Amino acid sequence: MANDPKQNNSVATAENLLAEMKQRAADAHKNNDVFMMSVMSQLLKVVSPIVTKAIARQHREDLAKINADHREMREQARAQREQTPRQSGPHATTRLGD
């Protein structure tokens, strides 16, 4: 369906990359490494929005696929209902005297 393992793996890889970069920045801060803290800070300013937008886009595409599948199922159900003959006569719920 919409959960392609390759795409989910890519999303996880992107999330892991961002987490690793944040961890390196935290390590640089803990070690009082001003140079690496500066480098990681600049990298995170660039990489974080890119990764965040890419992940959000992937989630939107997954949702769009789910919605398209649901629309297709509704259309198939509608077509199937139209092919079956309808009963003529009163329904059990409309009989008041029984």
N, C-alpha and C. Protein backbone atom coordinates (compact mmCIF):
# COMPACT_ATOMS: atom_id res chain seq x y z
N MET A 1 0.85 -1.18 0.00
CA MET A 1 0.00 0.00 0.00
C MET A 1 0.89 1.23 0.00
N ALA A 2 0.71 2.18 0.89
CA ALA A 2 1.46 3.43 0.88
C ALA A 2 2.78 3.31 1.62
N ASN A 3 2.97 2.26 2.38
CA ASN A 3 4.17 2.12 3.17
C ASN A 3 5.23 1.34 2.41
N ASP A 4 5.95 2.03 1.54
CA ASP A 4 7.04 1.43 0.78
C ASP A 4 8.24 1.31 1.71
N PRO A 5 8.77 0.09 1.94
CA PRO A 5 9.89 -0.08 2.86
C PRO A 5 11.12 0.73 2.47
N LYS A 6 11.37 0.88 1.17
CA LYS A 6 12.52 1.65 0.72
C LYS A 6 12.38 3.11 1.13
N GLN A 7 11.18 3.68 0.96
CA GLN A 7 10.95 5.07 1.33
C GLN A 7 11.01 5.25 2.84
N ASN A 8 10.45 4.30 3.60
CA ASN A 8 10.51 4.39 5.05
C ASN A 8 11.95 4.30 5.53
N ASN A 9 12.77 3.48 4.86
CA ASN A 9 14.17 3.37 5.21
C ASN A 9 14.87 4.69 4.94
N SER A 10 14.54 5.35 3.84
CA SER A 10 15.14 6.63 3.51
C SER A 10 14.76 7.69 4.54
N VAL A 11 13.52 7.69 4.97
CA VAL A 11 13.08 8.65 5.99
C VAL A 11 13.84 8.39 7.29
N ALA A 12 13.97 7.13 7.67
CA ALA A 12 14.70 6.79 8.89
C ALA A 12 16.17 7.20 8.77
N THR A 13 16.75 7.00 7.60
CA THR A 13 18.14 7.39 7.38
C THR A 13 18.31 8.90 7.52
N ALA A 14 17.40 9.66 6.96
CA ALA A 14 17.45 11.13 7.06
C ALA A 14 17.29 11.58 8.51
N GLU A 15 16.37 10.94 9.24
CA GLU A 15 16.17 11.29 10.64
C GLU A 15 17.42 10.94 11.45
N ASN A 16 18.03 9.80 11.15
CA ASN A 16 19.25 9.39 11.85
C ASN A 16 20.40 10.35 11.56
N LEU A 17 20.51 10.81 10.33
CA LEU A 17 21.55 11.77 9.96
C LEU A 17 21.40 13.05 10.78
N LEU A 18 20.19 13.55 10.86
CA LEU A 18 19.95 14.78 11.62
C LEU A 18 20.25 14.56 13.11
N ALA A 19 19.82 13.43 13.65
CA ALA A 19 20.09 13.13 15.06
C ALA A 19 21.59 12.99 15.32
N GLU A 20 22.31 12.38 14.40
CA GLU A 20 23.76 12.24 14.55
C GLU A 20 24.45 13.61 14.55
N MET A 21 24.01 14.48 13.66
CA MET A 21 24.59 15.82 13.60
C MET A 21 24.31 16.59 14.89
N LYS A 22 23.11 16.45 15.42
CA LYS A 22 22.78 17.12 16.68
C LYS A 22 23.61 16.56 17.83
N GLN A 23 23.84 15.25 17.80
CA GLN A 23 24.66 14.62 18.84
C GLN A 23 26.10 15.11 18.75
N ARG A 24 26.62 15.27 17.54
CA ARG A 24 27.98 15.79 17.37
C ARG A 24 28.07 17.23 17.88
N ALA A 25 27.03 18.00 17.64
CA ALA A 25 27.02 19.37 18.17
C ALA A 25 27.01 19.35 19.70
N ALA A 26 26.22 18.46 20.27
CA ALA A 26 26.18 18.34 21.73
C ALA A 26 27.53 17.90 22.29
N ASP A 27 28.19 16.98 21.59
CA ASP A 27 29.52 16.53 22.02
C ASP A 27 30.54 17.66 21.95
N ALA A 28 30.46 18.45 20.88
CA ALA A 28 31.37 19.59 20.75
C ALA A 28 31.13 20.59 21.88
N HIS A 29 29.88 20.79 22.24
CA HIS A 29 29.56 21.70 23.34
C HIS A 29 30.10 21.16 24.65
N LYS A 30 29.90 19.87 24.88
CA LYS A 30 30.36 19.24 26.11
C LYS A 30 31.89 19.30 26.23
N ASN A 31 32.59 19.19 25.09
CA ASN A 31 34.06 19.21 25.08
C ASN A 31 34.63 20.61 24.95
N ASN A 32 33.77 21.61 24.96
CA ASN A 32 34.18 23.01 24.80
C ASN A 32 35.00 23.22 23.54
N ASP A 33 34.61 22.55 22.47
CA ASP A 33 35.29 22.66 21.18
C ASP A 33 34.57 23.75 20.38
N VAL A 34 35.06 24.95 20.47
CA VAL A 34 34.41 26.10 19.85
C VAL A 34 34.38 25.96 18.33
N PHE A 35 35.46 25.49 17.74
CA PHE A 35 35.53 25.37 16.29
C PHE A 35 34.47 24.38 15.78
N MET A 36 34.44 23.17 16.34
CA MET A 36 33.46 22.16 15.87
C MET A 36 32.03 22.58 16.20
N MET A 37 31.85 23.27 17.32
CA MET A 37 30.52 23.76 17.66
C MET A 37 30.05 24.77 16.61
N SER A 38 30.95 25.61 16.14
CA SER A 38 30.62 26.58 15.10
C SER A 38 30.27 25.87 13.79
N VAL A 39 31.09 24.89 13.42
CA VAL A 39 30.85 24.15 12.18
C VAL A 39 29.52 23.40 12.25
N MET A 40 29.29 22.70 13.35
CA MET A 40 28.05 21.91 13.48
C MET A 40 26.83 22.84 13.52
N SER A 41 26.96 23.97 14.17
CA SER A 41 25.86 24.92 14.23
C SER A 41 25.48 25.40 12.84
N GLN A 42 26.47 25.73 12.04
CA GLN A 42 26.21 26.19 10.68
C GLN A 42 25.63 25.07 9.81
N LEU A 43 26.16 23.87 9.97
CA LEU A 43 25.63 22.73 9.20
C LEU A 43 24.18 22.44 9.57
N LEU A 44 23.89 22.48 10.86
CA LEU A 44 22.52 22.20 11.30
C LEU A 44 21.54 23.25 10.80
N LYS A 45 21.98 24.50 10.70
CA LYS A 45 21.10 25.55 10.18
C LYS A 45 20.68 25.26 8.74
N VAL A 46 21.57 24.60 8.00
CA VAL A 46 21.28 24.29 6.60
C VAL A 46 20.55 22.96 6.48
N VAL A 47 21.06 21.95 7.17
CA VAL A 47 20.57 20.57 7.00
C VAL A 47 19.20 20.35 7.65
N SER A 48 18.98 20.91 8.81
CA SER A 48 17.74 20.64 9.55
C SER A 48 16.48 21.00 8.76
N PRO A 49 16.38 22.19 8.17
CA PRO A 49 15.17 22.49 7.40
C PRO A 49 15.01 21.60 6.17
N ILE A 50 16.13 21.24 5.54
CA ILE A 50 16.06 20.38 4.36
C ILE A 50 15.49 19.02 4.73
N VAL A 51 16.04 18.43 5.79
CA VAL A 51 15.59 17.10 6.23
C VAL A 51 14.14 17.17 6.70
N THR A 52 13.80 18.18 7.47
CA THR A 52 12.44 18.32 7.99
C THR A 52 11.43 18.44 6.85
N LYS A 53 11.73 19.26 5.85
CA LYS A 53 10.83 19.43 4.71
C LYS A 53 10.70 18.14 3.91
N ALA A 54 11.82 17.43 3.73
CA ALA A 54 11.79 16.19 2.96
C ALA A 54 10.94 15.13 3.67
N ILE A 55 11.08 15.04 4.97
CA ILE A 55 10.30 14.07 5.75
C ILE A 55 8.82 14.45 5.70
N ALA A 56 8.50 15.72 5.86
CA ALA A 56 7.11 16.17 5.79
C ALA A 56 6.52 15.88 4.42
N ARG A 57 7.30 16.10 3.37
CA ARG A 57 6.83 15.83 2.01
C ARG A 57 6.53 14.34 1.84
N GLN A 58 7.41 13.50 2.38
CA GLN A 58 7.19 12.05 2.27
C GLN A 58 5.91 11.64 3.00
N HIS A 59 5.68 12.23 4.17
CA HIS A 59 4.44 11.92 4.91
C HIS A 59 3.21 12.38 4.13
N ARG A 60 3.29 13.55 3.50
CA ARG A 60 2.16 14.03 2.69
C ARG A 60 1.91 13.12 1.50
N GLU A 61 2.99 12.64 0.87
CA GLU A 61 2.83 11.72 -0.26
C GLU A 61 2.21 10.40 0.19
N ASP A 62 2.62 9.91 1.36
CA ASP A 62 2.02 8.68 1.91
C ASP A 62 0.53 8.87 2.14
N LEU A 63 0.16 10.02 2.73
CA LEU A 63 -1.25 10.29 3.00
C LEU A 63 -2.04 10.43 1.70
N ALA A 64 -1.45 11.06 0.70
CA ALA A 64 -2.12 11.20 -0.59
C ALA A 64 -2.37 9.83 -1.22
N LYS A 65 -1.42 8.91 -1.08
CA LYS A 65 -1.58 7.55 -1.61
C LYS A 65 -2.72 6.83 -0.87
N ILE A 66 -2.77 6.99 0.43
CA ILE A 66 -3.84 6.37 1.22
C ILE A 66 -5.19 6.93 0.79
N ASN A 67 -5.27 8.25 0.62
CA ASN A 67 -6.53 8.88 0.19
C ASN A 67 -6.94 8.40 -1.20
N ALA A 68 -5.97 8.25 -2.11
CA ALA A 68 -6.27 7.77 -3.46
C ALA A 68 -6.78 6.33 -3.41
N ASP A 69 -6.15 5.50 -2.58
CA ASP A 69 -6.60 4.11 -2.43
C ASP A 69 -8.02 4.05 -1.87
N HIS A 70 -8.31 4.92 -0.90
CA HIS A 70 -9.64 4.95 -0.31
C HIS A 70 -10.68 5.38 -1.33
N ARG A 71 -10.34 6.41 -2.13
CA ARG A 71 -11.25 6.89 -3.17
C ARG A 71 -11.53 5.77 -4.18
N GLU A 72 -10.49 5.02 -4.54
CA GLU A 72 -10.66 3.91 -5.49
C GLU A 72 -11.56 2.83 -4.90
N MET A 73 -11.39 2.52 -3.62
CA MET A 73 -12.24 1.52 -2.97
C MET A 73 -13.70 1.97 -2.95
N ARG A 74 -13.93 3.26 -2.66
CA ARG A 74 -15.30 3.77 -2.64
C ARG A 74 -15.93 3.68 -4.02
N GLU A 75 -15.16 3.99 -5.06
CA GLU A 75 -15.68 3.91 -6.43
C GLU A 75 -16.00 2.47 -6.80
N GLN A 76 -15.16 1.54 -6.39
CA GLN A 76 -15.43 0.13 -6.68
C GLN A 76 -16.67 -0.34 -5.94
N ALA A 77 -16.83 0.07 -4.70
CA ALA A 77 -18.01 -0.32 -3.93
C ALA A 77 -19.27 0.27 -4.55
N ARG A 78 -19.19 1.51 -5.01
CA ARG A 78 -20.33 2.16 -5.65
C ARG A 78 -20.70 1.41 -6.93
N ALA A 79 -19.70 1.06 -7.73
CA ALA A 79 -19.96 0.34 -8.98
C ALA A 79 -20.57 -1.03 -8.69
N GLN A 80 -20.10 -1.67 -7.65
CA GLN A 80 -20.63 -2.99 -7.29
C GLN A 80 -22.08 -2.87 -6.82
N ARG A 81 -22.40 -1.84 -6.06
CA ARG A 81 -23.78 -1.63 -5.61
C ARG A 81 -24.70 -1.36 -6.78
N GLU A 82 -24.21 -0.63 -7.78
CA GLU A 82 -25.04 -0.30 -8.93
C GLU A 82 -25.29 -1.52 -9.81
N GLN A 83 -24.41 -2.52 -9.76
CA GLN A 83 -24.58 -3.73 -10.57
C GLN A 83 -25.56 -4.71 -9.95
N THR A 84 -25.71 -4.68 -8.64
CA THR A 84 -26.62 -5.62 -7.99
C THR A 84 -28.05 -5.11 -8.12
N PRO A 85 -29.00 -6.00 -8.40
CA PRO A 85 -30.40 -5.56 -8.55
C PRO A 85 -30.97 -5.16 -7.19
N ARG A 86 -31.79 -4.16 -7.22
CA ARG A 86 -32.42 -3.69 -5.98
C ARG A 86 -33.73 -4.42 -5.77
N GLN A 87 -34.05 -4.62 -4.51
CA GLN A 87 -35.30 -5.30 -4.19
C GLN A 87 -36.45 -4.32 -4.34
N SER A 88 -37.53 -4.83 -4.90
CA SER A 88 -38.72 -3.99 -4.96
C SER A 88 -39.66 -4.49 -3.88
N GLY A 89 -40.20 -3.61 -3.16
CA GLY A 89 -41.10 -3.99 -2.08
C GLY A 89 -40.68 -3.33 -0.78
N PRO A 90 -41.50 -3.50 0.22
CA PRO A 90 -41.21 -2.83 1.49
C PRO A 90 -40.02 -3.48 2.20
N HIS A 91 -39.31 -2.67 2.89
CA HIS A 91 -38.21 -3.16 3.72
C HIS A 91 -38.76 -3.54 5.09
N ALA A 92 -38.06 -4.39 5.75
CA ALA A 92 -38.52 -4.85 7.08
C ALA A 92 -38.62 -3.71 8.05
N THR A 93 -37.80 -2.70 7.92
CA THR A 93 -37.83 -1.59 8.88
C THR A 93 -38.99 -0.63 8.63
N THR A 94 -39.62 -0.71 7.46
CA THR A 94 -40.71 0.24 7.16
C THR A 94 -42.08 -0.33 7.47
N ARG A 95 -42.16 -1.58 7.82
CA ARG A 95 -43.46 -2.17 8.13
C ARG A 95 -43.83 -1.84 9.56
N LEU A 96 -44.92 -1.18 9.71
CA LEU A 96 -45.34 -0.78 11.04
C LEU A 96 -46.28 -1.80 11.69
N GLY A 97 -46.97 -2.59 10.90
CA GLY A 97 -47.97 -3.50 11.44
C GLY A 97 -47.40 -4.84 11.91
N ASP A 98 -46.15 -5.14 11.66
CA ASP A 98 -45.61 -6.45 12.02
C ASP A 98 -45.06 -6.50 13.43
